[in-house]
C-alpha cells in the first residue's frame, strides 16, 4: 500500500514514519509539508493512503486535507491527532477526511489502527443530520467549549499572553491561537478581552470540565 505523509517538517514526518514502520504492507512513497498546498505532490505520488499529522491542529490542517482529497480522490485519508473535538473533526470530514486516530493509543498502536482504517475494518461517522441538529437544545457555554479551550481561556483571563499559555501547556503558540479562535467563535466575541470578560460574567472560569474519553475513531 502506497503511503504519503503530510506533516510540518521532516522531523514530524520521520516521527510518523516510525509509527507506521511496523506495518509491512505500507510503503512510504512521499512527504508533503502541511504549511503549503500539497495537491500536486500528492497527485504525483499516487498514494493509496495519506496520513496527515494533526497533532498541532489549525485551519491550515483542514486546508491540507482538502488538498489531499483533490489530489487523491480514491485514497484513504487518516489524521493522527491529539484533539478529538467532534466539531473540528466534522469540519475535517467535510473536506475529505476518512478517519482520525488519537495519539493516546501510543506509537505501537498507531500503525495497526491506521492499517485497519485503510482496510475498511473501522468505521465511524461524525456527521449530524440536519433534523437532529435543529432539534438539539443549545448547550451551556461551559459545555460548548472543550476542556483544552476552557484551560486556555482560564489562563488568558488571568492575563497570560499566548506565549506564556503555550509554555504553560507545552504546546505551540499556533495551537493556542487555534483554540482561542474557536473559543471566540463559540462565545460570539471578537478578542481576548471580550472573551475574558464573558468568562468572568458567565462563570465559565469556575466550570468543572466534564471527563472526556480518549479513543481512536474513524469516519
Protein backbone atom coordinates (compact mmCIF):
# COMPACT_ATOMS: atom_id res chain seq x y z
CA UNK A 1 0.00 0.00 0.00
CA UNK A 2 1.50 3.32 -1.12
CA UNK A 3 1.55 5.90 1.68
CA UNK A 4 2.17 9.65 1.67
CA UNK A 5 2.81 11.54 4.92
CA UNK A 6 1.65 15.14 5.33
CA UNK A 7 3.39 16.81 8.27
CA UNK A 8 5.00 20.02 9.50
CA UNK A 9 8.61 19.44 8.53
CA UNK A 10 10.85 16.41 8.09
CA UNK A 11 11.23 15.77 11.83
CA UNK A 12 7.46 15.37 12.25
CA UNK A 13 7.32 13.24 9.11
CA UNK A 14 10.03 10.92 10.45
CA UNK A 15 8.11 10.62 13.70
CA UNK A 16 5.05 9.43 11.78
CA UNK A 17 7.15 7.16 9.61
CA UNK A 18 8.41 5.48 12.77
CA UNK A 19 4.83 4.82 13.92
CA UNK A 20 3.97 3.20 10.58
CA UNK A 21 7.18 1.20 10.20
CA UNK A 22 5.71 -1.84 11.96
CA UNK A 23 3.16 -2.37 9.17
CA UNK A 24 4.86 -4.36 6.41
CA UNK A 25 2.08 -3.60 3.94
CA UNK A 26 2.93 0.13 3.98
CA UNK A 27 5.39 1.64 1.52
CA UNK A 28 6.17 5.31 2.25
CA UNK A 29 6.35 6.94 -1.19
CA UNK A 30 6.25 10.64 -0.40
CA UNK A 31 6.17 13.53 2.04
CA UNK A 32 4.34 16.87 1.84
CA UNK A 33 4.80 19.89 4.11
CA UNK A 34 1.46 20.90 5.61
CA UNK A 35 2.42 24.60 5.63
CA UNK A 36 1.82 24.92 1.90
CA UNK A 37 -0.57 23.49 -0.72
CA UNK A 38 0.21 19.87 -1.47
CA UNK A 39 -2.24 18.76 -4.17
CA UNK A 40 0.44 18.43 -6.87
CA UNK A 41 2.79 16.46 -4.58
CA UNK A 42 0.04 14.04 -3.60
CA UNK A 43 -1.11 13.58 -7.18
CA UNK A 44 2.42 12.77 -8.34
CA UNK A 45 2.88 10.14 -5.61
CA UNK A 46 -0.41 8.36 -6.46
CA UNK A 47 -0.94 7.06 -2.90
CA UNK A 48 -3.46 4.52 -1.64
CA UNK A 49 -3.29 6.10 1.82
CA UNK A 50 -2.38 9.55 3.12
CA UNK A 51 -1.55 10.09 6.80
CA UNK A 52 -1.94 13.69 7.96
CA UNK A 53 -0.18 14.91 11.10
CA UNK A 54 -2.86 16.83 13.04
CA UNK A 55 -1.11 16.90 16.40
CA UNK A 56 -0.88 20.71 16.12
CA UNK A 57 -4.35 21.41 14.63
CA UNK A 58 -5.17 24.59 12.75
CA UNK A 59 -7.15 25.94 9.84
CA UNK A 60 -4.24 25.06 7.53
CA UNK A 61 -4.61 21.41 8.59
CA UNK A 62 -8.15 21.46 7.23
CA UNK A 63 -6.87 23.05 4.01
CA UNK A 64 -4.30 20.29 3.62
CA UNK A 65 -7.00 17.62 3.99
CA UNK A 66 -8.90 19.32 1.16
CA UNK A 67 -5.67 19.44 -0.91
CA UNK A 68 -5.09 15.74 -0.37
CA UNK A 69 -8.64 14.82 -1.32
CA UNK A 70 -8.32 16.88 -4.52
CA UNK A 71 -5.00 15.22 -5.36
CA UNK A 72 -6.02 11.66 -4.49
CA UNK A 73 -9.81 11.25 -4.78
CA UNK A 74 -9.72 7.49 -4.21
CA UNK A 75 -7.15 7.38 -1.39
CA UNK A 76 -7.93 6.86 2.28
CA UNK A 77 -7.06 9.91 4.39
CA UNK A 78 -6.23 9.32 8.06
CA UNK A 79 -5.30 12.03 10.57
CA UNK A 80 -3.20 11.50 13.67
CA UNK A 81 -4.43 13.96 16.31
CA UNK A 82 -4.42 14.80 19.99
CA UNK A 83 -7.69 16.77 19.78
CA UNK A 84 -10.78 14.57 19.41
CA UNK A 85 -13.11 17.56 19.12
CA UNK A 86 -16.19 16.31 17.20
CA UNK A 87 -16.91 19.74 15.71
CA UNK A 88 -13.39 20.19 14.35
CA UNK A 89 -13.21 16.58 13.15
CA UNK A 90 -16.58 17.09 11.47
CA UNK A 91 -15.11 20.00 9.53
CA UNK A 92 -12.18 17.81 8.53
CA UNK A 93 -14.58 15.11 7.33
CA UNK A 94 -16.42 17.68 5.25
CA UNK A 95 -13.10 18.34 3.48
CA UNK A 96 -12.48 14.66 2.80
CA UNK A 97 -11.02 13.05 5.94
CA UNK A 98 -11.80 9.35 6.31
CA UNK A 99 -10.52 8.73 9.82
CA UNK A 100 -8.87 10.19 12.91
CA UNK A 101 -6.62 8.26 15.28
CA UNK A 102 -5.78 9.58 18.73
CA UNK A 103 -2.13 9.80 19.77
CA UNK A 104 -3.33 8.42 23.12
CA UNK A 105 -3.15 4.89 21.69
CA UNK A 106 0.64 5.19 21.70
CA UNK A 107 3.21 4.79 18.96
CA UNK A 108 2.94 0.99 18.97
CA UNK A 109 -0.80 1.06 18.32
CA UNK A 110 -0.97 3.80 15.70
CA UNK A 111 0.31 1.70 12.80
CA UNK A 112 -2.18 -1.09 13.46
CA UNK A 113 -5.14 1.28 13.73
CA UNK A 114 -4.17 3.11 10.55
CA UNK A 115 -3.90 -0.26 8.78
CA UNK A 116 -7.39 -1.24 9.97
CA UNK A 117 -8.83 2.03 8.72
CA UNK A 118 -7.08 1.63 5.37
CA UNK A 119 -8.55 -1.86 5.04
CA UNK A 120 -12.03 -0.60 5.89
CA UNK A 121 -12.19 -2.51 9.17
CA UNK A 122 -13.01 0.58 11.26
CA UNK A 123 -15.90 2.92 10.57
CA UNK A 124 -17.45 5.85 12.42
CA UNK A 125 -19.45 8.86 11.22
CA UNK A 126 -19.04 12.31 12.81
CA UNK A 127 -21.88 13.96 10.93
CA UNK A 128 -25.19 15.02 12.50
CA UNK A 129 -28.37 15.03 10.45
CA UNK A 130 -29.97 18.49 9.86
CA UNK A 131 -33.15 17.45 11.66
CA UNK A 132 -31.23 16.27 14.71
CA UNK A 133 -29.15 19.44 14.77
CA UNK A 134 -32.26 21.62 14.51
CA UNK A 135 -33.98 19.85 17.40
CA UNK A 136 -30.96 19.91 19.69
CA UNK A 137 -31.22 22.08 22.79
CA UNK A 138 -28.39 24.65 22.84
CA UNK A 139 -25.69 23.61 25.29
CA UNK A 140 -24.47 25.91 28.07
CA UNK A 141 -21.34 27.85 27.17
CA UNK A 142 -19.27 25.74 29.54
CA UNK A 143 -20.23 22.61 27.55
CA UNK A 144 -19.68 24.24 24.15
CA UNK A 145 -16.01 24.69 24.97
CA UNK A 146 -13.66 21.73 25.00
CA UNK A 147 -11.55 21.01 28.07
CA UNK A 148 -8.49 22.46 26.32
CA UNK A 149 -10.39 25.62 25.28
CA UNK A 150 -11.53 26.20 28.86
CA UNK A 151 -7.99 25.62 30.10
CA UNK A 152 -6.60 28.20 27.69
CA UNK A 153 -9.43 30.66 28.37
CA UNK A 154 -8.72 30.49 32.09
CA UNK A 155 -5.05 31.32 31.53
CA UNK A 156 -5.88 34.14 29.11
CA UNK A 157 -8.42 35.58 31.54
CA UNK A 158 -5.70 35.62 34.20
CA UNK A 159 -3.64 37.90 31.95
CA UNK A 160 -1.30 35.38 30.34
CA UNK A 161 -0.03 36.07 26.81
CA UNK A 162 -0.23 33.45 24.05
CA UNK A 163 3.47 32.77 24.54
CA UNK A 164 3.00 32.23 28.29
CA UNK A 165 -0.02 29.97 27.71
CA UNK A 166 1.95 27.91 25.20
CA UNK A 167 4.82 27.48 27.65
CA UNK A 168 2.46 26.55 30.48
CA UNK A 169 0.64 23.88 28.45
CA UNK A 170 3.65 22.66 26.44
CA UNK A 171 2.07 23.46 23.07
CA UNK A 172 2.92 25.87 20.26
CA UNK A 173 1.58 29.42 20.01
CA UNK A 174 -0.18 28.37 16.81
CA UNK A 175 -2.15 25.78 18.79
CA UNK A 176 -3.09 28.42 21.38
CA UNK A 177 -4.27 30.77 18.61
CA UNK A 178 -6.27 27.95 17.02
CA UNK A 179 -8.12 27.17 20.24
CA UNK A 180 -8.69 30.86 21.02
CA UNK A 181 -10.18 31.36 17.56
CA UNK A 182 -12.63 28.52 18.21
CA UNK A 183 -13.43 29.95 21.63
CA UNK A 184 -14.17 33.42 20.24
CA UNK A 185 -16.49 31.92 17.63
CA UNK A 186 -18.37 29.76 20.13
CA UNK A 187 -18.82 32.61 22.62
CA UNK A 188 -19.63 35.20 19.96
CA UNK A 189 -16.79 37.55 20.95
CA UNK A 190 -14.10 39.29 18.90
CA UNK A 191 -10.94 39.18 21.03
CA UNK A 192 -9.26 38.00 24.24
CA UNK A 193 -10.52 40.99 26.24
CA UNK A 194 -14.15 40.27 25.36
CA UNK A 195 -13.64 36.55 25.93
CA UNK A 196 -12.12 37.18 29.37
CA UNK A 197 -14.98 39.49 30.33
CA UNK A 198 -17.55 36.99 29.07
CA UNK A 199 -15.89 34.18 31.02
CA UNK A 200 -15.89 36.19 34.27
CA UNK A 201 -19.51 37.35 33.89
CA UNK A 202 -20.88 33.93 32.99
CA UNK A 203 -18.82 31.95 35.50
CA UNK A 204 -17.01 29.89 32.88
CA UNK A 205 -13.75 30.01 34.80
CA UNK A 206 -15.31 28.09 37.67
CA UNK A 207 -16.90 25.43 35.49
CA UNK A 208 -15.55 21.96 36.08
CA UNK A 209 -14.61 20.36 32.75
CA UNK A 210 -16.52 17.13 32.09
CA UNK A 211 -14.47 13.98 31.70
CA UNK A 212 -13.57 13.30 28.08
CA UNK A 213 -12.96 9.83 26.75
CA UNK A 214 -9.78 9.40 24.77
CA UNK A 215 -10.19 6.94 21.94
CA UNK A 216 -9.31 6.08 18.39
CA UNK A 217 -12.09 6.89 15.94
CA UNK A 218 -12.64 6.67 12.22
CA UNK A 219 -15.04 8.34 9.79
